[in-house]
Amino acid sequence: VQLQASGGGLVQPGGSLRLSCVASVTGISINYMAWYRQAPEKQRELVASINSGGTTTYVDSVKGRFTISRGNAKNTVHLEMHSLKPEDAAVYYCNAVLFSQTYWGQGTQVTVSS
């Protein structure tokens, strides 16, 4: 299974971005999809997750600003990010769990700077 992430870029503080991730499977509902991020010299952290039932979780620092959602095809996951802060800058990684196997995307850079 390959995960293709897109949507990163440079945005000013207070701006918005939408990340998307597409898994190379069709006709299968992926149990769990998530976004992680890793800033320089920091550990990778779970930002948001969503399961096949639609239950979502968020790290406290993004609650109220980020929204994770699944696409209609169920092999995609999006992360809507609003009111971005400099501390949100990181490489964002898509993550999926399918049949107890964990998969990672290649990462997409989010830069928040004026």
Protein backbone atom coordinates (compact mmCIF):
# COMPACT_ATOMS: atom_id res chain seq x y z
CA VAL A 1 0.00 0.00 0.00
CA GLN A 2 1.39 3.38 -0.97
CA LEU A 3 0.24 6.66 0.50
CA GLN A 4 0.55 9.83 -1.56
CA ALA A 5 0.33 13.05 0.38
CA SER A 6 -0.12 16.50 -1.09
CA GLY A 7 -1.16 20.03 -0.19
CA GLY A 8 1.72 21.34 1.85
CA GLY A 9 3.32 24.68 1.21
CA LEU A 10 4.15 28.10 2.57
CA VAL A 11 1.45 30.06 4.35
CA GLN A 12 1.40 33.15 6.51
CA PRO A 13 0.42 32.93 10.18
CA GLY A 14 -3.35 32.82 10.40
CA GLY A 15 -3.65 31.21 7.00
CA SER A 16 -5.09 27.89 5.92
CA LEU A 17 -3.98 24.78 4.08
CA ARG A 18 -5.62 21.53 3.11
CA LEU A 19 -3.60 18.34 3.08
CA SER A 20 -4.76 15.26 1.23
CA CYS A 21 -3.56 11.68 1.23
CA VAL A 22 -4.60 8.94 -1.15
CA ALA A 23 -3.94 5.27 -0.47
CA SER A 24 -3.27 2.95 -3.40
CA VAL A 25 -6.11 0.60 -2.54
CA THR A 26 -9.67 0.55 -3.77
CA GLY A 27 -12.75 -1.23 -2.60
CA ILE A 28 -11.33 -1.65 0.89
CA SER A 29 -12.27 0.47 3.88
CA ILE A 30 -9.06 1.37 5.66
CA ASN A 31 -9.48 0.88 9.39
CA TYR A 32 -7.55 3.90 10.54
CA MET A 33 -5.93 6.92 8.92
CA ALA A 34 -4.06 9.70 10.57
CA TRP A 35 -1.74 12.66 10.15
CA TYR A 36 1.50 12.98 12.05
CA ARG A 37 3.98 15.81 11.96
CA GLN A 38 7.63 16.22 12.75
CA ALA A 39 9.38 19.52 13.26
CA PRO A 40 13.18 19.83 13.19
CA GLU A 41 14.77 18.33 16.29
CA LYS A 42 11.41 17.20 17.63
CA GLN A 43 9.76 13.83 17.84
CA ARG A 44 7.05 12.87 15.42
CA GLU A 45 3.65 13.51 16.96
CA LEU A 46 0.14 12.40 16.16
CA VAL A 47 -1.86 15.39 14.98
CA ALA A 48 -5.23 13.85 14.15
CA SER A 49 -6.77 10.49 13.39
CA ILE A 50 -9.98 9.06 12.06
CA ASN A 51 -11.25 5.50 12.06
CA SER A 52 -13.58 3.68 9.73
CA GLY A 53 -16.53 4.66 11.92
CA GLY A 54 -15.67 8.33 11.63
CA THR A 55 -14.41 8.80 15.17
CA THR A 56 -11.74 11.48 15.28
CA THR A 57 -9.01 12.47 17.69
CA TYR A 58 -6.84 15.58 17.80
CA VAL A 59 -3.78 16.67 19.70
CA ASP A 60 -4.75 19.49 22.05
CA SER A 61 -2.70 22.09 20.24
CA VAL A 62 -4.80 21.84 17.05
CA LYS A 63 -8.28 21.35 18.46
CA GLY A 64 -10.69 23.86 17.00
CA ARG A 65 -8.31 24.71 14.15
CA PHE A 66 -7.75 21.44 12.28
CA THR A 67 -10.33 19.03 10.90
CA ILE A 68 -9.61 15.52 9.68
CA SER A 69 -12.02 13.83 7.30
CA ARG A 70 -12.28 10.82 5.03
CA GLY A 71 -13.06 11.02 1.37
CA ASN A 72 -16.09 9.32 -0.13
CA ALA A 73 -13.89 6.62 -1.60
CA LYS A 74 -12.63 5.78 1.92
CA ASN A 75 -9.08 5.51 0.67
CA THR A 76 -8.42 9.19 1.16
CA VAL A 77 -7.95 11.39 4.18
CA HIS A 78 -7.84 15.16 4.37
CA LEU A 79 -6.60 17.58 6.97
CA GLU A 80 -8.08 21.06 6.90
CA MET A 81 -5.80 23.43 8.78
CA HIS A 82 -6.91 26.92 9.75
CA SER A 83 -5.45 29.70 11.88
CA LEU A 84 -2.02 28.26 11.28
CA LYS A 85 0.73 29.21 13.69
CA PRO A 86 4.50 29.14 13.29
CA GLU A 87 4.58 26.18 15.68
CA ASP A 88 2.48 24.18 13.20
CA ALA A 89 5.37 24.20 10.76
CA ALA A 90 6.63 20.67 10.18
CA VAL A 91 6.73 17.82 7.74
CA TYR A 92 3.29 16.23 7.81
CA TYR A 93 3.02 12.49 7.27
CA CYS A 94 0.01 10.48 6.30
CA ASN A 95 -0.45 7.22 8.18
CA ALA A 96 -2.77 4.29 7.58
CA VAL A 97 -3.43 0.96 9.23
CA LEU A 98 -4.78 -1.82 7.07
CA PHE A 99 -5.01 -5.47 8.13
CA SER A 100 -2.80 -4.69 11.15
CA GLN A 101 -0.05 -3.27 8.93
CA THR A 102 1.07 0.32 9.29
CA TYR A 103 1.92 2.42 6.26
CA TRP A 104 3.45 5.87 5.91
CA GLY A 105 3.36 8.47 3.19
CA GLN A 106 6.39 10.42 2.05
CA GLY A 107 5.62 13.58 3.97
CA THR A 108 4.63 17.04 2.85
CA GLN A 109 6.24 20.22 4.14
CA VAL A 110 4.14 22.87 5.84
CA THR A 111 5.89 26.19 6.44
CA VAL A 112 4.20 28.95 8.40
CA SER A 113 6.04 32.21 8.08
CA SER A 114 5.45 35.85 7.27
